C-alpha atoms as a PDB file:
ATOM      1  CA  MET A   1       0.000   0.000   0.000  1.00  0.00           C
ATOM      2  CA  LYS A   2       2.861   2.364   0.841  1.00  0.00           C
ATOM      3  CA  LYS A   3       4.439   1.693  -2.556  1.00  0.00           C
ATOM      4  CA  LEU A   4       1.156   2.449  -4.348  1.00  0.00           C
ATOM      5  CA  CYS A   5       0.753   5.728  -2.457  1.00  0.00           C
ATOM      6  CA  THR A   6       4.302   6.718  -3.360  1.00  0.00           C
ATOM      7  CA  ILE A   7       3.729   5.933  -7.047  1.00  0.00           C
ATOM      8  CA  LEU A   8       0.506   7.979  -7.077  1.00  0.00           C
ATOM      9  CA  TYR A   9       2.263  10.851  -5.308  1.00  0.00           C
ATOM     10  CA  VAL A  10       5.217  10.843  -7.685  1.00  0.00           C
ATOM     11  CA  PHE A  11       3.383  10.316 -10.983  1.00  0.00           C
ATOM     12  CA  GLY A  12      -0.380  10.731 -10.575  1.00  0.00           C
ATOM     13  CA  ILE A  13      -0.634  14.072  -8.816  1.00  0.00           C
ATOM     14  CA  PRO A  14       1.896  15.908 -11.046  1.00  0.00           C
ATOM     15  CA  ILE A  15       0.139  14.707 -14.215  1.00  0.00           C
ATOM     16  CA  LEU A  16      -3.197  15.891 -12.808  1.00  0.00           C
ATOM     17  CA  LEU A  17      -1.681  19.283 -11.932  1.00  0.00           C
ATOM     18  CA  ALA A  18      -0.091  19.589 -15.385  1.00  0.00           C
ATOM     19  CA  TRP A  19      -3.467  18.862 -16.942  1.00  0.00           C
ATOM     20  CA  LEU A  20      -5.142  21.516 -14.750  1.00  0.00           C
ATOM     21  CA  LEU A  21      -2.419  24.153 -15.304  1.00  0.00           C
ATOM     22  CA  VAL A  22      -2.300  24.099 -19.095  1.00  0.00           C
ATOM     23  CA  ILE A  23       0.255  26.463 -20.652  1.00  0.00           C
ATOM     24  CA  ASN A  24      -1.465  29.087 -22.795  1.00  0.00           C
ATOM     25  CA  PRO A  25       0.778  29.941 -25.798  1.00  0.00           C
ATOM     26  CA  ASP A  26      -0.760  33.433 -26.088  1.00  0.00           C
ATOM     27  CA  LYS A  27      -0.045  34.494 -22.506  1.00  0.00           C
ATOM     28  CA  GLU A  28       3.221  35.899 -21.137  1.00  0.00           C
ATOM     29  CA  TYR A  29       4.364  34.257 -17.904  1.00  0.00           C
ATOM     30  CA  GLY A  30       6.531  35.553 -15.061  1.00  0.00           C
ATOM     31  CA  TRP A  31       8.924  34.011 -12.562  1.00  0.00           C
ATOM     32  CA  PHE A  32       6.347  32.240 -10.364  1.00  0.00           C
ATOM     33  CA  MET A  33       4.826  30.326 -13.251  1.00  0.00           C
ATOM     34  CA  GLY A  34       8.382  29.498 -14.317  1.00  0.00           C
ATOM     35  CA  ILE A  35       8.735  27.585 -11.062  1.00  0.00           C
ATOM     36  CA  VAL A  36       5.377  25.860 -11.575  1.00  0.00           C
ATOM     37  CA  HIS A  37       5.979  25.003 -15.234  1.00  0.00           C
ATOM     38  CA  GLY A  38       9.533  23.822 -14.524  1.00  0.00           C
ATOM     39  CA  ALA A  39       8.334  21.545 -11.739  1.00  0.00           C
ATOM     40  CA  LEU A  40       5.677  20.158 -14.085  1.00  0.00           C
ATOM     41  CA  ALA A  41       7.912  19.879 -17.177  1.00  0.00           C
ATOM     42  CA  ILE A  42       8.225  16.086 -16.945  1.00  0.00           C
ATOM     43  CA  PRO A  43       4.458  15.492 -16.617  1.00  0.00           C
ATOM     44  CA  ASN A  44       3.915  18.012 -19.442  1.00  0.00           C
ATOM     45  CA  TRP A  45       6.405  16.044 -21.560  1.00  0.00           C
ATOM     46  CA  ILE A  46       4.527  12.805 -20.843  1.00  0.00           C
ATOM     47  CA  ILE A  47       1.201  14.420 -21.799  1.00  0.00           C
ATOM     48  CA  SER A  48       2.783  15.898 -24.953  1.00  0.00           C
ATOM     49  CA  LEU A  49       3.573  12.364 -26.146  1.00  0.00           C
ATOM     50  CA  PHE A  50      -0.171  11.713 -26.397  1.00  0.00           C
ATOM     51  CA  SER A  51      -1.532  15.188 -27.175  1.00  0.00           C
ATOM     52  CA  GLU A  52      -0.417  17.251 -30.131  1.00  0.00           C
ATOM     53  CA  GLY A  53       0.236  20.898 -29.313  1.00  0.00           C
ATOM     54  CA  TRP A  54       0.855  20.400 -25.578  1.00  0.00           C
ATOM     55  CA  LEU A  55       3.637  22.695 -24.350  1.00  0.00           C
ATOM     56  CA  MET A  56       6.392  21.941 -21.843  1.00  0.00           C
ATOM     57  CA  LYS A  57       7.536  25.568 -21.656  1.00  0.00           C
ATOM     58  CA  ALA A  58       5.718  28.798 -22.444  1.00  0.00           C
ATOM     59  CA  THR A  59       6.484  30.527 -25.728  1.00  0.00           C
ATOM     60  CA  LEU A  60       6.114  34.042 -24.275  1.00  0.00           C
ATOM     61  CA  PHE A  61       7.997  34.522 -21.011  1.00  0.00           C
ATOM     62  CA  SER A  62      10.220  36.858 -19.037  1.00  0.00           C
ATOM     63  CA  SER A  63      13.902  36.177 -18.440  1.00  0.00           C
ATOM     64  CA  ALA A  64      13.131  35.327 -14.793  1.00  0.00           C
ATOM     65  CA  TYR A  65      10.672  32.688 -16.044  1.00  0.00           C
ATOM     66  CA  GLY A  66      13.445  30.998 -18.001  1.00  0.00           C
ATOM     67  CA  VAL A  67      15.843  30.983 -15.045  1.00  0.00           C
ATOM     68  CA  TRP A  68      13.275  29.633 -12.583  1.00  0.00           C
ATOM     69  CA  TRP A  69      11.988  27.116 -15.146  1.00  0.00           C
ATOM     70  CA  TRP A  70      15.459  25.556 -15.389  1.00  0.00           C
ATOM     71  CA  ILE A  71      15.987  25.590 -11.601  1.00  0.00           C
ATOM     72  CA  ALA A  72      12.610  23.924 -10.997  1.00  0.00           C
ATOM     73  CA  LEU A  73      13.229  21.420 -13.799  1.00  0.00           C
ATOM     74  CA  CYS A  74      16.560  20.351 -12.254  1.00  0.00           C
ATOM     75  CA  ALA A  75      14.955  20.039  -8.813  1.00  0.00           C
ATOM     76  CA  SER A  76      12.095  18.037 -10.339  1.00  0.00           C
ATOM     77  CA  ILE A  77      14.471  15.642 -12.090  1.00  0.00           C
ATOM     78  CA  ILE A  78      16.368  15.073  -8.841  1.00  0.00           C
ATOM     79  CA  GLU A  79      13.075  14.421  -7.034  1.00  0.00           C
ATOM     80  CA  TYR A  80      11.908  11.926  -9.681  1.00  0.00           C
ATOM     81  CA  ILE A  81      15.218  10.046  -9.635  1.00  0.00           C
ATOM     82  CA  SER A  82      15.253   9.852  -5.840  1.00  0.00           C
ATOM     83  CA  SER A  83      11.616   8.706  -5.810  1.00  0.00           C
ATOM     84  CA  VAL A  84      12.297   5.950  -8.334  1.00  0.00           C
ATOM     85  CA  ILE A  85      15.275   4.791  -6.264  1.00  0.00           C
ATOM     86  CA  TYR A  86      13.105   4.821  -3.124  1.00  0.00           C
ATOM     87  CA  ILE A  87      10.364   2.817  -4.840  1.00  0.00           C
ATOM     88  CA  ALA A  88      12.891   0.308  -6.174  1.00  0.00           C
ATOM     89  CA  LYS A  89      14.448  -0.202  -2.725  1.00  0.00           C
ATOM     90  CA  SER A  90      11.145  -0.756  -0.937  1.00  0.00           C
END
């Protein structure tokens, strides 16, 4: 049961959030949404495999968005790797 909860936490919730927080290509985003979109870049990538036109990163953004997007993406990758290792060990 603990393993199932961990899998849902790591993969299910981020995909749901990415689906709810769709990136609008006509809107300009700032630094805060850079953090959100960077943290959800992997779920957005997974959704983009099945949905044409789904964005991983906004097309119109400030320079702070780009910086925070990369920081959040790196933190997200580290979190996913550590979660997969944790699931594999348990």
